[in-house]
Amino acid sequence: MNASTKGEITKARVLQTASRLINEKGFCNTSINDIIQATGVKKGNLYFHFPSKEDLSLAILEEANNQFVAFLSRSLQGERPLERLANLFDAVFERHSRTLFVGG
């Protein structure tokens, strides 16, 4: 595994873990140390990828936005507008049923 790939894996792990923690505990109640402890990365590695907690939060929001746009693209399939809306509502219902609205 090259350094770039290893760094990308670390960055993705930090994003995923920080997103989960912030969703569970809230932004103000999640510290950088919480994220470091949960991910096992060194503080310097975290700050290499994300210079501040705010930068990390913006990256989480950008990733969430990308996932949401992809979800909408997948969900809005169909030839007729009513069919597309029905598919969207089905996808939203299925997604929220699966997650049970957990998180903040």
PDB file of N, CA and C in Angstrom:
ATOM      1  N   MET A   1       0.855  -1.174   0.000  1.00  0.00           N
ATOM      2  CA  MET A   1       0.000   0.000   0.000  1.00  0.00           C
ATOM      3  C   MET A   1       0.898   1.233   0.000  1.00  0.00           C
ATOM      4  N   ASN A   2       0.638   2.138  -0.934  1.00  0.00           N
ATOM      5  CA  ASN A   2       1.473   3.340  -0.987  1.00  0.00           C
ATOM      6  C   ASN A   2       0.994   4.381   0.022  1.00  0.00           C
ATOM      7  N   ALA A   3       1.818   5.386   0.232  1.00  0.00           N
ATOM      8  CA  ALA A   3       1.525   6.401   1.251  1.00  0.00           C
ATOM      9  C   ALA A   3       0.242   7.156   0.942  1.00  0.00           C
ATOM     10  N   SER A   4      -0.001   7.422  -0.341  1.00  0.00           N
ATOM     11  CA  SER A   4      -1.209   8.141  -0.732  1.00  0.00           C
ATOM     12  C   SER A   4      -2.454   7.343  -0.368  1.00  0.00           C
ATOM     13  N   THR A   5      -2.435   6.061  -0.686  1.00  0.00           N
ATOM     14  CA  THR A   5      -3.580   5.212  -0.380  1.00  0.00           C
ATOM     15  C   THR A   5      -3.774   5.100   1.125  1.00  0.00           C
ATOM     16  N   LYS A   6      -2.691   4.921   1.857  1.00  0.00           N
ATOM     17  CA  LYS A   6      -2.773   4.825   3.312  1.00  0.00           C
ATOM     18  C   LYS A   6      -3.347   6.115   3.895  1.00  0.00           C
ATOM     19  N   GLY A   7      -2.892   7.260   3.375  1.00  0.00           N
ATOM     20  CA  GLY A   7      -3.412   8.542   3.835  1.00  0.00           C
ATOM     21  C   GLY A   7      -4.887   8.717   3.516  1.00  0.00           C
ATOM     22  N   GLU A   8      -5.291   8.270   2.336  1.00  0.00           N
ATOM     23  CA  GLU A   8      -6.703   8.366   1.948  1.00  0.00           C
ATOM     24  C   GLU A   8      -7.572   7.487   2.838  1.00  0.00           C
ATOM     25  N   ILE A   9      -7.057   6.303   3.182  1.00  0.00           N
ATOM     26  CA  ILE A   9      -7.793   5.398   4.070  1.00  0.00           C
ATOM     27  C   ILE A   9      -7.931   6.024   5.456  1.00  0.00           C
ATOM     28  N   THR A  10      -6.846   6.612   5.946  1.00  0.00           N
ATOM     29  CA  THR A  10      -6.884   7.278   7.251  1.00  0.00           C
ATOM     30  C   THR A  10      -7.877   8.433   7.237  1.00  0.00           C
ATOM     31  N   LYS A  11      -7.825   9.238   6.199  1.00  0.00           N
ATOM     32  CA  LYS A  11      -8.736  10.386   6.087  1.00  0.00           C
ATOM     33  C   LYS A  11     -10.188   9.921   6.062  1.00  0.00           C
ATOM     34  N   ALA A  12     -10.479   8.887   5.298  1.00  0.00           N
ATOM     35  CA  ALA A  12     -11.846   8.360   5.216  1.00  0.00           C
ATOM     36  C   ALA A  12     -12.294   7.809   6.567  1.00  0.00           C
ATOM     37  N   ARG A  13     -11.392   7.124   7.269  1.00  0.00           N
ATOM     38  CA  ARG A  13     -11.737   6.571   8.585  1.00  0.00           C
ATOM     39  C   ARG A  13     -12.037   7.693   9.573  1.00  0.00           C
ATOM     40  N   VAL A  14     -11.243   8.754   9.541  1.00  0.00           N
ATOM     41  CA  VAL A  14     -11.488   9.891  10.429  1.00  0.00           C
ATOM     42  C   VAL A  14     -12.832  10.531  10.098  1.00  0.00           C
ATOM     43  N   LEU A  15     -13.103  10.742   8.820  1.00  0.00           N
ATOM     44  CA  LEU A  15     -14.383  11.342   8.412  1.00  0.00           C
ATOM     45  C   LEU A  15     -15.562  10.509   8.885  1.00  0.00           C
ATOM     46  N   GLN A  16     -15.495   9.214   8.645  1.00  0.00           N
ATOM     47  CA  GLN A  16     -16.607   8.328   9.008  1.00  0.00           C
ATOM     48  C   GLN A  16     -16.806   8.290  10.522  1.00  0.00           C
ATOM     49  N   THR A  17     -15.725   8.152  11.253  1.00  0.00           N
ATOM     50  CA  THR A  17     -15.821   8.064  12.709  1.00  0.00           C
ATOM     51  C   THR A  17     -16.266   9.388  13.316  1.00  0.00           C
ATOM     52  N   ALA A  18     -15.697  10.486  12.857  1.00  0.00           N
ATOM     53  CA  ALA A  18     -16.082  11.799  13.374  1.00  0.00           C
ATOM     54  C   ALA A  18     -17.544  12.091  13.064  1.00  0.00           C
ATOM     55  N   SER A  19     -17.990  11.717  11.890  1.00  0.00           N
ATOM     56  CA  SER A  19     -19.389  11.917  11.520  1.00  0.00           C
ATOM     57  C   SER A  19     -20.310  11.167  12.480  1.00  0.00           C
ATOM     58  N   ARG A  20     -19.961   9.918  12.761  1.00  0.00           N
ATOM     59  CA  ARG A  20     -20.772   9.107  13.681  1.00  0.00           C
ATOM     60  C   ARG A  20     -20.785   9.734  15.071  1.00  0.00           C
ATOM     61  N   LEU A  21     -19.614  10.116  15.573  1.00  0.00           N
ATOM     62  CA  LEU A  21     -19.539  10.699  16.919  1.00  0.00           C
ATOM     63  C   LEU A  21     -20.313  12.010  17.017  1.00  0.00           C
ATOM     64  N   ILE A  22     -20.142  12.876  16.034  1.00  0.00           N
ATOM     65  CA  ILE A  22     -20.849  14.160  16.050  1.00  0.00           C
ATOM     66  C   ILE A  22     -22.353  13.936  15.935  1.00  0.00           C
ATOM     67  N   ASN A  23     -22.754  12.955  15.150  1.00  0.00           N
ATOM     68  CA  ASN A  23     -24.170  12.633  15.020  1.00  0.00           C
ATOM     69  C   ASN A  23     -24.736  12.123  16.343  1.00  0.00           C
ATOM     70  N   GLU A  24     -23.956  11.323  17.055  1.00  0.00           N
ATOM     71  CA  GLU A  24     -24.416  10.748  18.321  1.00  0.00           C
ATOM     72  C   GLU A  24     -24.367  11.750  19.475  1.00  0.00           C
ATOM     73  N   LYS A  25     -23.268  12.516  19.563  1.00  0.00           N
ATOM     74  CA  LYS A  25     -23.031  13.360  20.731  1.00  0.00           C
ATOM     75  C   LYS A  25     -23.258  14.845  20.489  1.00  0.00           C
ATOM     76  N   GLY A  26     -23.290  15.249  19.227  1.00  0.00           N
ATOM     77  CA  GLY A  26     -23.383  16.662  18.895  1.00  0.00           C
ATOM     78  C   GLY A  26     -22.004  17.255  18.663  1.00  0.00           C
ATOM     79  N   PHE A  27     -21.960  18.359  17.935  1.00  0.00           N
ATOM     80  CA  PHE A  27     -20.689  19.000  17.586  1.00  0.00           C
ATOM     81  C   PHE A  27     -19.937  19.473  18.826  1.00  0.00           C
ATOM     82  N   CYS A  28     -20.615  20.195  19.700  1.00  0.00           N
ATOM     83  CA  CYS A  28     -19.948  20.771  20.873  1.00  0.00           C
ATOM     84  C   CYS A  28     -19.498  19.707  21.869  1.00  0.00           C
ATOM     85  N   ASN A  29     -20.186  18.587  21.917  1.00  0.00           N
ATOM     86  CA  ASN A  29     -19.852  17.533  22.871  1.00  0.00           C
ATOM     87  C   ASN A  29     -18.870  16.509  22.323  1.00  0.00           C
ATOM     88  N   THR A  30     -18.403  16.699  21.104  1.00  0.00           N
ATOM     89  CA  THR A  30     -17.407  15.801  20.513  1.00  0.00           C
ATOM     90  C   THR A  30     -16.091  16.555  20.418  1.00  0.00           C
ATOM     91  N   SER A  31     -15.088  16.041  21.100  1.00  0.00           N
ATOM     92  CA  SER A  31     -13.779  16.703  21.081  1.00  0.00           C
ATOM     93  C   SER A  31     -12.858  16.030  20.067  1.00  0.00           C
ATOM     94  N   ILE A  32     -11.817  16.729  19.707  1.00  0.00           N
ATOM     95  CA  ILE A  32     -10.788  16.142  18.842  1.00  0.00           C
ATOM     96  C   ILE A  32     -10.211  14.902  19.517  1.00  0.00           C
ATOM     97  N   ASN A  33     -10.035  14.955  20.835  1.00  0.00           N
ATOM     98  CA  ASN A  33      -9.518  13.789  21.551  1.00  0.00           C
ATOM     99  C   ASN A  33     -10.468  12.600  21.460  1.00  0.00           C
ATOM    100  N   ASP A  34     -11.788  12.844  21.468  1.00  0.00           N
ATOM    101  CA  ASP A  34     -12.755  11.756  21.270  1.00  0.00           C
ATOM    102  C   ASP A  34     -12.529  11.092  19.915  1.00  0.00           C
ATOM    103  N   ILE A  35     -12.323  11.909  18.911  1.00  0.00           N
ATOM    104  CA  ILE A  35     -12.133  11.403  17.547  1.00  0.00           C
ATOM    105  C   ILE A  35     -10.818  10.639  17.445  1.00  0.00           C
ATOM    106  N   ILE A  36      -9.770  11.176  18.052  1.00  0.00           N
ATOM    107  CA  ILE A  36      -8.465  10.508  18.044  1.00  0.00           C
ATOM    108  C   ILE A  36      -8.563   9.151  18.736  1.00  0.00           C
ATOM    109  N   GLN A  37      -9.217   9.132  19.881  1.00  0.00           N
ATOM    110  CA  GLN A  37      -9.358   7.884  20.624  1.00  0.00           C
ATOM    111  C   GLN A  37     -10.169   6.858  19.834  1.00  0.00           C
ATOM    112  N   ALA A  38     -11.244   7.291  19.202  1.00  0.00           N
ATOM    113  CA  ALA A  38     -12.107   6.367  18.460  1.00  0.00           C
ATOM    114  C   ALA A  38     -11.456   5.850  17.180  1.00  0.00           C
ATOM    115  N   THR A  39     -10.615   6.666  16.560  1.00  0.00           N
ATOM    116  CA  THR A  39      -9.990   6.255  15.296  1.00  0.00           C
ATOM    117  C   THR A  39      -8.641   5.587  15.495  1.00  0.00           C
ATOM    118  N   GLY A  40      -7.972   5.923  16.585  1.00  0.00           N
ATOM    119  CA  GLY A  40      -6.637   5.391  16.811  1.00  0.00           C
ATOM    120  C   GLY A  40      -5.549   6.109  16.021  1.00  0.00           C
ATOM    121  N   VAL A  41      -5.891   7.221  15.376  1.00  0.00           N
ATOM    122  CA  VAL A  41      -4.868   7.967  14.633  1.00  0.00           C
ATOM    123  C   VAL A  41      -4.151   8.925  15.580  1.00  0.00           C
ATOM    124  N   LYS A  42      -2.967   9.285  15.213  1.00  0.00           N
ATOM    125  CA  LYS A  42      -2.208  10.258  16.000  1.00  0.00           C
ATOM    126  C   LYS A  42      -2.745  11.661  15.708  1.00  0.00           C
ATOM    127  N   LYS A  43      -2.624  12.523  16.706  1.00  0.00           N
ATOM    128  CA  LYS A  43      -3.137  13.889  16.580  1.00  0.00           C
ATOM    129  C   LYS A  43      -2.548  14.590  15.358  1.00  0.00           C
ATOM    130  N   GLY A  44      -1.251  14.401  15.117  1.00  0.00           N
ATOM    131  CA  GLY A  44      -0.608  15.025  13.961  1.00  0.00           C
ATOM    132  C   GLY A  44      -1.196  14.552  12.644  1.00  0.00           C
ATOM    133  N   ASN A  45      -1.541  13.265  12.565  1.00  0.00           N
ATOM    134  CA  ASN A  45      -2.162  12.737  11.346  1.00  0.00           C
ATOM    135  C   ASN A  45      -3.532  13.354  11.120  1.00  0.00           C
ATOM    136  N   LEU A  46      -4.301  13.483  12.195  1.00  0.00           N
ATOM    137  CA  LEU A  46      -5.629  14.085  12.062  1.00  0.00           C
ATOM    138  C   LEU A  46      -5.500  15.525  11.581  1.00  0.00           C
ATOM    139  N   TYR A  47      -4.595  16.283  12.216  1.00  0.00           N
ATOM    140  CA  TYR A  47      -4.436  17.686  11.837  1.00  0.00           C
ATOM    141  C   TYR A  47      -3.779  17.859  10.468  1.00  0.00           C
ATOM    142  N   PHE A  48      -3.065  16.846   9.990  1.00  0.00           N
ATOM    143  CA  PHE A  48      -2.529  16.898   8.627  1.00  0.00           C
ATOM    144  C   PHE A  48      -3.679  16.936   7.622  1.00  0.00           C
ATOM    145  N   HIS A  49      -4.690  16.106   7.859  1.00  0.00           N
ATOM    146  CA  HIS A  49      -5.839  16.031   6.948  1.00  0.00           C
ATOM    147  C   HIS A  49      -6.860  17.139   7.203  1.00  0.00           C
ATOM    148  N   PHE A  50      -7.024  17.511   8.471  1.00  0.00           N
ATOM    149  CA  PHE A  50      -8.038  18.495   8.859  1.00  0.00           C
ATOM    150  C   PHE A  50      -7.404  19.462   9.865  1.00  0.00           C
ATOM    151  N   PRO A  51      -7.027  20.671   9.420  1.00  0.00           N
ATOM    152  CA  PRO A  51      -6.313  21.612  10.290  1.00  0.00           C
ATOM    153  C   PRO A  51      -7.081  22.038  11.546  1.00  0.00           C
ATOM    154  N   SER A  52      -8.411  21.885  11.535  1.00  0.00           N
ATOM    155  CA  SER A  52      -9.200  22.268  12.707  1.00  0.00           C
ATOM    156  C   SER A  52     -10.460  21.406  12.764  1.00  0.00           C
ATOM    157  N   LYS A  53     -11.118  21.455  13.901  1.00  0.00           N
ATOM    158  CA  LYS A  53     -12.386  20.741  14.065  1.00  0.00           C
ATOM    159  C   LYS A  53     -13.422  21.292  13.081  1.00  0.00           C
ATOM    160  N   GLU A  54     -13.374  22.577  12.835  1.00  0.00           N
ATOM    161  CA  GLU A  54     -14.303  23.191  11.894  1.00  0.00           C
ATOM    162  C   GLU A  54     -14.050  22.693  10.470  1.00  0.00           C
ATOM    163  N   ASP A  55     -12.767  22.552  10.092  1.00  0.00           N
ATOM    164  CA  ASP A  55     -12.443  22.003   8.767  1.00  0.00           C
ATOM    165  C   ASP A  55     -12.940  20.570   8.641  1.00  0.00           C
ATOM    166  N   LEU A  56     -12.779  19.796   9.701  1.00  0.00           N
ATOM    167  CA  LEU A  56     -13.279  18.422   9.710  1.00  0.00           C
ATOM    168  C   LEU A  56     -14.798  18.415   9.552  1.00  0.00           C
ATOM    169  N   SER A  57     -15.470  19.297  10.255  1.00  0.00           N
ATOM    170  CA  SER A  57     -16.933  19.376  10.162  1.00  0.00           C
ATOM    171  C   SER A  57     -17.389  19.765   8.764  1.00  0.00           C
ATOM    172  N   LEU A  58     -16.684  20.702   8.136  1.00  0.00           N
ATOM    173  CA  LEU A  58     -17.024  21.076   6.760  1.00  0.00           C
ATOM    174  C   LEU A  58     -16.831  19.897   5.811  1.00  0.00           C
ATOM    175  N   ALA A  59     -15.771  19.124   6.012  1.00  0.00           N
ATOM    176  CA  ALA A  59     -15.541  17.944   5.176  1.00  0.00           C
ATOM    177  C   ALA A  59     -16.647  16.914   5.382  1.00  0.00           C
ATOM    178  N   ILE A  60     -17.114  16.764   6.619  1.00  0.00           N
ATOM    179  CA  ILE A  60     -18.223  15.849   6.905  1.00  0.00           C
ATOM    180  C   ILE A  60     -19.478  16.319   6.178  1.00  0.00           C
ATOM    181  N   LEU A  61     -19.755  17.624   6.238  1.00  0.00           N
ATOM    182  CA  LEU A  61     -20.938  18.166   5.557  1.00  0.00           C
ATOM    183  C   LEU A  61     -20.837  18.011   4.042  1.00  0.00           C
ATOM    184  N   GLU A  62     -19.646  18.230   3.490  1.00  0.00           N
ATOM    185  CA  GLU A  62     -19.461  18.051   2.046  1.00  0.00           C
ATOM    186  C   GLU A  62     -19.696  16.597   1.646  1.00  0.00           C
ATOM    187  N   GLU A  63     -19.191  15.659   2.442  1.00  0.00           N
ATOM    188  CA  GLU A  63     -19.400  14.240   2.151  1.00  0.00           C
ATOM    189  C   GLU A  63     -20.873  13.875   2.278  1.00  0.00           C
ATOM    190  N   ALA A  64     -21.542  14.393   3.307  1.00  0.00           N
ATOM    191  CA  ALA A  64     -22.974  14.139   3.475  1.00  0.00           C
ATOM    192  C   ALA A  64     -23.758  14.696   2.292  1.00  0.00           C
ATOM    193  N   ASN A  65     -23.382  15.880   1.829  1.00  0.00           N
ATOM    194  CA  ASN A  65     -24.034  16.473   0.663  1.00  0.00           C
ATOM    195  C   ASN A  65     -23.829  15.605  -0.577  1.00  0.00           C
ATOM    196  N   ASN A  66     -22.598  15.135  -0.788  1.00  0.00           N
ATOM    197  CA  ASN A  66     -22.320  14.262  -1.938  1.00  0.00           C
ATOM    198  C   ASN A  66     -23.141  12.983  -1.873  1.00  0.00           C
ATOM    199  N   GLN A  67     -23.237  12.404  -0.677  1.00  0.00           N
ATOM    200  CA  GLN A  67     -24.028  11.185  -0.518  1.00  0.00           C
ATOM    201  C   GLN A  67     -25.509  11.458  -0.755  1.00  0.00           C
ATOM    202  N   PHE A  68     -25.995  12.620  -0.298  1.00  0.00           N
ATOM    203  CA  PHE A  68     -27.397  12.968  -0.486  1.00  0.00           C
ATOM    204  C   PHE A  68     -27.729  13.167  -1.965  1.00  0.00           C
ATOM    205  N   VAL A  69     -26.861  13.865  -2.679  1.00  0.00           N
ATOM    206  CA  VAL A  69     -27.074  14.078  -4.116  1.00  0.00           C
ATOM    207  C   VAL A  69     -27.067  12.735  -4.849  1.00  0.00           C
ATOM    208  N   ALA A  70     -26.149  11.853  -4.483  1.00  0.00           N
ATOM    209  CA  ALA A  70     -26.108  10.521  -5.103  1.00  0.00           C
ATOM    210  C   ALA A  70     -27.374   9.738  -4.770  1.00  0.00           C
ATOM    211  N   PHE A  71     -27.846   9.840  -3.532  1.00  0.00           N
ATOM    212  CA  PHE A  71     -29.083   9.176  -3.115  1.00  0.00           C
ATOM    213  C   PHE A  71     -30.266   9.686  -3.941  1.00  0.00           C
ATOM    214  N   LEU A  72     -30.352  11.002  -4.111  1.00  0.00           N
ATOM    215  CA  LEU A  72     -31.437  11.569  -4.916  1.00  0.00           C
ATOM    216  C   LEU A  72     -31.362  11.082  -6.362  1.00  0.00           C
ATOM    217  N   SER A  73     -30.173  11.060  -6.922  1.00  0.00           N
ATOM    218  CA  SER A  73     -30.011  10.603  -8.308  1.00  0.00           C
ATOM    219  C   SER A  73     -30.466   9.164  -8.472  1.00  0.00           C
ATOM    220  N   ARG A  74     -30.101   8.313  -7.502  1.00  0.00           N
ATOM    221  CA  ARG A  74     -30.513   6.904  -7.569  1.00  0.00           C
ATOM    222  C   ARG A  74     -32.013   6.754  -7.344  1.00  0.00           C
ATOM    223  N   SER A  75     -32.567   7.588  -6.464  1.00  0.00           N
ATOM    224  CA  SER A  75     -33.967   7.445  -6.063  1.00  0.00           C
ATOM    225  C   SER A  75     -34.942   8.013  -7.079  1.00  0.00           C
ATOM    226  N   LEU A  76     -34.540   9.025  -7.807  1.00  0.00           N
ATOM    227  CA  LEU A  76     -35.445   9.692  -8.743  1.00  0.00           C
ATOM    228  C   LEU A  76     -35.433   9.023 -10.118  1.00  0.00           C
ATOM    229  N   GLN A  77     -35.539   7.717 -10.120  1.00  0.00           N
ATOM    230  CA  GLN A  77     -35.583   6.968 -11.376  1.00  0.00           C
ATOM    231  C   GLN A  77     -37.041   6.782 -11.798  1.00  0.00           C
ATOM    232  N   GLY A  78     -37.273   6.754 -13.063  1.00  0.00           N
ATOM    233  CA  GLY A  78     -38.615   6.551 -13.597  1.00  0.00           C
ATOM    234  C   GLY A  78     -38.856   7.459 -14.783  1.00  0.00           C
ATOM    235  N   GLU A  79     -39.840   7.079 -15.567  1.00  0.00           N
ATOM    236  CA  GLU A  79     -40.134   7.855 -16.777  1.00  0.00           C
ATOM    237  C   GLU A  79     -41.106   8.995 -16.520  1.00  0.00           C
ATOM    238  N   ARG A  80     -42.055   8.774 -15.620  1.00  0.00           N
ATOM    239  CA  ARG A  80     -43.074   9.797 -15.360  1.00  0.00           C
ATOM    240  C   ARG A  80     -42.791  10.489 -14.025  1.00  0.00           C
ATOM    241  N   PRO A  81     -43.151  11.765 -13.906  1.00  0.00           N
ATOM    242  CA  PRO A  81     -42.900  12.499 -12.658  1.00  0.00           C
ATOM    243  C   PRO A  81     -43.499  11.816 -11.425  1.00  0.00           C
ATOM    244  N   LEU A  82     -44.717  11.315 -11.533  1.00  0.00           N
ATOM    245  CA  LEU A  82     -45.354  10.659 -10.391  1.00  0.00           C
ATOM    246  C   LEU A  82     -44.593   9.397  -9.985  1.00  0.00           C
ATOM    247  N   GLU A  83     -44.118   8.664 -10.963  1.00  0.00           N
ATOM    248  CA  GLU A  83     -43.324   7.458 -10.695  1.00  0.00           C
ATOM    249  C   GLU A  83     -42.010   7.835  -9.998  1.00  0.00           C
ATOM    250  N   ARG A  84     -41.394   8.900 -10.456  1.00  0.00           N
ATOM    251  CA  ARG A  84     -40.138   9.348  -9.853  1.00  0.00           C
ATOM    252  C   ARG A  84     -40.347   9.781  -8.403  1.00  0.00           C
ATOM    253  N   LEU A  85     -41.429  10.532  -8.147  1.00  0.00           N
ATOM    254  CA  LEU A  85     -41.726  10.948  -6.775  1.00  0.00           C
ATOM    255  C   LEU A  85     -42.024   9.751  -5.882  1.00  0.00           C
ATOM    256  N   ALA A  86     -42.796   8.800  -6.394  1.00  0.00           N
ATOM    257  CA  ALA A  86     -43.105   7.592  -5.617  1.00  0.00           C
ATOM    258  C   ALA A  86     -41.828   6.831  -5.283  1.00  0.00           C
ATOM    259  N   ASN A  87     -40.926   6.722  -6.238  1.00  0.00           N
ATOM    260  CA  ASN A  87     -39.653   6.041  -5.991  1.00  0.00           C
ATOM    261  C   ASN A  87     -38.832   6.779  -4.931  1.00  0.00           C
ATOM    262  N   LEU A  88     -38.855   8.110  -4.989  1.00  0.00           N
ATOM    263  CA  LEU A  88     -38.132   8.900  -3.995  1.00  0.00           C
ATOM    264  C   LEU A  88     -38.711   8.674  -2.602  1.00  0.00           C
ATOM    265  N   PHE A  89     -40.035   8.751  -2.468  1.00  0.00           N
ATOM    266  CA  PHE A  89     -40.656   8.547  -1.158  1.00  0.00           C
ATOM    267  C   PHE A  89     -40.382   7.144  -0.624  1.00  0.00           C
ATOM    268  N   ASP A  90     -40.438   6.149  -1.502  1.00  0.00           N
ATOM    269  CA  ASP A  90     -40.121   4.773  -1.086  1.00  0.00           C
ATOM    270  C   ASP A  90     -38.685   4.677  -0.583  1.00  0.00           C
ATOM    271  N   ALA A  91     -37.762   5.304  -1.288  1.00  0.00           N
ATOM    272  CA  ALA A  91     -36.348   5.252  -0.904  1.00  0.00           C
ATOM    273  C   ALA A  91     -36.111   5.974   0.423  1.00  0.00           C
ATOM    274  N   VAL A  92     -36.757   7.133   0.606  1.00  0.00           N
ATOM    275  CA  VAL A  92     -36.609   7.877   1.858  1.00  0.00           C
ATOM    276  C   VAL A  92     -37.184   7.070   3.017  1.00  0.00           C
ATOM    277  N   PHE A  93     -38.357   6.500   2.821  1.00  0.00           N
ATOM    278  CA  PHE A  93     -38.980   5.692   3.872  1.00  0.00           C
ATOM    279  C   PHE A  93     -38.102   4.498   4.225  1.00  0.00           C
ATOM    280  N   GLU A  94     -37.584   3.813   3.210  1.00  0.00           N
ATOM    281  CA  GLU A  94     -36.733   2.640   3.446  1.00  0.00           C
ATOM    282  C   GLU A  94     -35.465   3.037   4.182  1.00  0.00           C
ATOM    283  N   ARG A  95     -34.875   4.125   3.794  1.00  0.00           N
ATOM    284  CA  ARG A  95     -33.631   4.577   4.437  1.00  0.00           C
ATOM    285  C   ARG A  95     -33.858   4.925   5.900  1.00  0.00           C
ATOM    286  N   HIS A  96     -34.922   5.653   6.185  1.00  0.00           N
ATOM    287  CA  HIS A  96     -35.194   6.041   7.571  1.00  0.00           C
ATOM    288  C   HIS A  96     -35.675   4.862   8.405  1.00  0.00           C
ATOM    289  N   SER A  97     -36.359   3.923   7.795  1.00  0.00           N
ATOM    290  CA  SER A  97     -36.764   2.715   8.516  1.00  0.00           C
ATOM    291  C   SER A  97     -35.541   1.913   8.923  1.00  0.00           C
ATOM    292  N   ARG A  98     -34.547   1.876   8.060  1.00  0.00           N
ATOM    293  CA  ARG A  98     -33.317   1.129   8.323  1.00  0.00           C
ATOM    294  C   ARG A  98     -32.506   1.780   9.440  1.00  0.00           C
ATOM    295  N   THR A  99     -32.464   3.097   9.469  1.00  0.00           N
ATOM    296  CA  THR A  99     -31.663   3.788  10.483  1.00  0.00           C
ATOM    297  C   THR A  99     -32.463   4.108  11.738  1.00  0.00           C
ATOM    298  N   LEU A 100     -33.770   3.932  11.672  1.00  0.00           N
ATOM    299  CA  LEU A 100     -34.652   4.201  12.808  1.00  0.00           C
ATOM    300  C   LEU A 100     -34.505   5.623  13.338  1.00  0.00           C
ATOM    301  N   PHE A 101     -34.152   6.543  12.442  1.00  0.00           N
ATOM    302  CA  PHE A 101     -34.009   7.961  12.795  1.00  0.00           C
ATOM    303  C   PHE A 101     -33.004   8.174  13.919  1.00  0.00           C
ATOM    304  N   VAL A 102     -32.010   7.317  14.038  1.00  0.00           N
ATOM    305  CA  VAL A 102     -30.993   7.448  15.078  1.00  0.00           C
ATOM    306  C   VAL A 102     -30.089   8.623  14.749  1.00  0.00           C
ATOM    307  N   GLY A 103     -29.694   9.353  15.751  1.00  0.00           N
ATOM    308  CA  GLY A 103     -28.762  10.457  15.558  1.00  0.00           C
ATOM    309  C   GLY A 103     -29.439  11.792  15.718  1.00  0.00           C
ATOM    310  N   GLY A 104     -28.612  12.836  15.637  1.00  0.00           N
ATOM    311  CA  GLY A 104     -29.146  14.180  15.823  1.00  0.00           C
ATOM    312  C   GLY A 104     -29.159  14.951  14.556  1.00  0.00           C
TER     313      GLY A 104
END
